[in-house]
Amino acid sequence: MGRDIRRRRESLGVTLQQLADLTGIGINTLSRLERGSSGVTLKTLLLVLQTLGLRLRIEAERN
């Protein structure tokens, strides 16, 4: 997911600093999120996704 977030941010021409300014989330946290590191809250993830025009989708497993 972090890779997708980074690709979207870069495709929009948004720097980490600009995303930090838009969301109020620190650059270190955003960088961890893009690297897929643990410790990022769901609230932070959802705010970043919303800011970048992305959406989280949950589906039931098909058995």
C-alpha atoms as a PDB file:
ATOM      1  CA  MET A   1       0.000   0.000   0.000  1.00  0.00           C
ATOM      2  CA  GLY A   2       2.849   2.363   0.788  1.00  0.00           C
ATOM      3  CA  ARG A   3       4.199   1.966  -2.738  1.00  0.00           C
ATOM      4  CA  ASP A   4       0.785   2.901  -4.159  1.00  0.00           C
ATOM      5  CA  ILE A   5       0.618   5.961  -1.930  1.00  0.00           C
ATOM      6  CA  ARG A   6       4.087   7.090  -3.057  1.00  0.00           C
ATOM      7  CA  ARG A   7       3.217   6.557  -6.729  1.00  0.00           C
ATOM      8  CA  ARG A   8       0.032   8.592  -6.379  1.00  0.00           C
ATOM      9  CA  ARG A   9       1.797  11.408  -4.525  1.00  0.00           C
ATOM     10  CA  GLU A  10       4.534  11.562  -7.150  1.00  0.00           C
ATOM     11  CA  SER A  11       2.057  11.388 -10.044  1.00  0.00           C
ATOM     12  CA  LEU A  12       0.322  14.432  -8.575  1.00  0.00           C
ATOM     13  CA  GLY A  13       3.665  16.236  -8.301  1.00  0.00           C
ATOM     14  CA  VAL A  14       3.346  16.550  -4.523  1.00  0.00           C
ATOM     15  CA  THR A  15       6.457  16.452  -2.348  1.00  0.00           C
ATOM     16  CA  LEU A  16       6.557  14.865   1.099  1.00  0.00           C
ATOM     17  CA  GLN A  17       6.830  18.369   2.555  1.00  0.00           C
ATOM     18  CA  GLN A  18       3.738  19.520   0.668  1.00  0.00           C
ATOM     19  CA  LEU A  19       1.791  16.451   1.792  1.00  0.00           C
ATOM     20  CA  ALA A  20       2.908  17.095   5.358  1.00  0.00           C
ATOM     21  CA  ASP A  21       1.667  20.682   5.087  1.00  0.00           C
ATOM     22  CA  LEU A  22      -1.680  19.561   3.627  1.00  0.00           C
ATOM     23  CA  THR A  23      -2.315  16.870   6.227  1.00  0.00           C
ATOM     24  CA  GLY A  24      -0.534  18.144   9.337  1.00  0.00           C
ATOM     25  CA  ILE A  25       1.318  14.816   9.492  1.00  0.00           C
ATOM     26  CA  GLY A  26       5.077  14.806   9.997  1.00  0.00           C
ATOM     27  CA  ILE A  27       7.410  13.941   7.142  1.00  0.00           C
ATOM     28  CA  ASN A  28       8.922  11.063   9.126  1.00  0.00           C
ATOM     29  CA  THR A  29       5.481   9.511   9.594  1.00  0.00           C
ATOM     30  CA  LEU A  30       4.635   9.949   5.922  1.00  0.00           C
ATOM     31  CA  SER A  31       7.935   8.413   4.919  1.00  0.00           C
ATOM     32  CA  ARG A  32       7.313   5.414   7.209  1.00  0.00           C
ATOM     33  CA  LEU A  33       3.868   5.008   5.682  1.00  0.00           C
ATOM     34  CA  GLU A  34       5.287   4.998   2.148  1.00  0.00           C
ATOM     35  CA  ARG A  35       7.931   2.441   3.173  1.00  0.00           C
ATOM     36  CA  GLY A  36       5.270   0.196   4.680  1.00  0.00           C
ATOM     37  CA  SER A  37       6.659   0.406   8.208  1.00  0.00           C
ATOM     38  CA  SER A  38       4.438  -0.367  11.161  1.00  0.00           C
ATOM     39  CA  GLY A  39       3.298   2.196  13.674  1.00  0.00           C
ATOM     40  CA  VAL A  40       1.083   4.351  11.447  1.00  0.00           C
ATOM     41  CA  THR A  41      -2.451   4.729  12.740  1.00  0.00           C
ATOM     42  CA  LEU A  42      -5.537   4.029  10.685  1.00  0.00           C
ATOM     43  CA  LYS A  43      -6.580   7.647  11.184  1.00  0.00           C
ATOM     44  CA  THR A  44      -3.304   8.817   9.620  1.00  0.00           C
ATOM     45  CA  LEU A  45      -3.627   6.361   6.746  1.00  0.00           C
ATOM     46  CA  LEU A  46      -7.177   7.456   5.958  1.00  0.00           C
ATOM     47  CA  LEU A  47      -6.242  11.149   6.053  1.00  0.00           C
ATOM     48  CA  VAL A  48      -3.375  10.600   3.611  1.00  0.00           C
ATOM     49  CA  LEU A  49      -5.558   8.523   1.290  1.00  0.00           C
ATOM     50  CA  GLN A  50      -8.293  11.155   1.313  1.00  0.00           C
ATOM     51  CA  THR A  51      -5.826  13.965   0.659  1.00  0.00           C
ATOM     52  CA  LEU A  52      -4.369  12.111  -2.321  1.00  0.00           C
ATOM     53  CA  GLY A  53      -7.779  11.181  -3.718  1.00  0.00           C
ATOM     54  CA  LEU A  54      -7.411   7.492  -2.898  1.00  0.00           C
ATOM     55  CA  ARG A  55      -9.801   5.167  -1.134  1.00  0.00           C
ATOM     56  CA  LEU A  56      -9.373   2.068   1.010  1.00  0.00           C
ATOM     57  CA  ARG A  57     -11.531  -0.851  -0.026  1.00  0.00           C
ATOM     58  CA  ILE A  58     -12.263  -3.905   2.086  1.00  0.00           C
ATOM     59  CA  GLU A  59     -13.757  -7.007   0.556  1.00  0.00           C
ATOM     60  CA  ALA A  60     -14.787 -10.358   1.930  1.00  0.00           C
ATOM     61  CA  GLU A  61     -12.613 -13.304   1.011  1.00  0.00           C
ATOM     62  CA  ARG A  62     -14.008 -15.636  -1.569  1.00  0.00           C
ATOM     63  CA  ASN A  63     -13.953 -19.199  -0.310  1.00  0.00           C
END
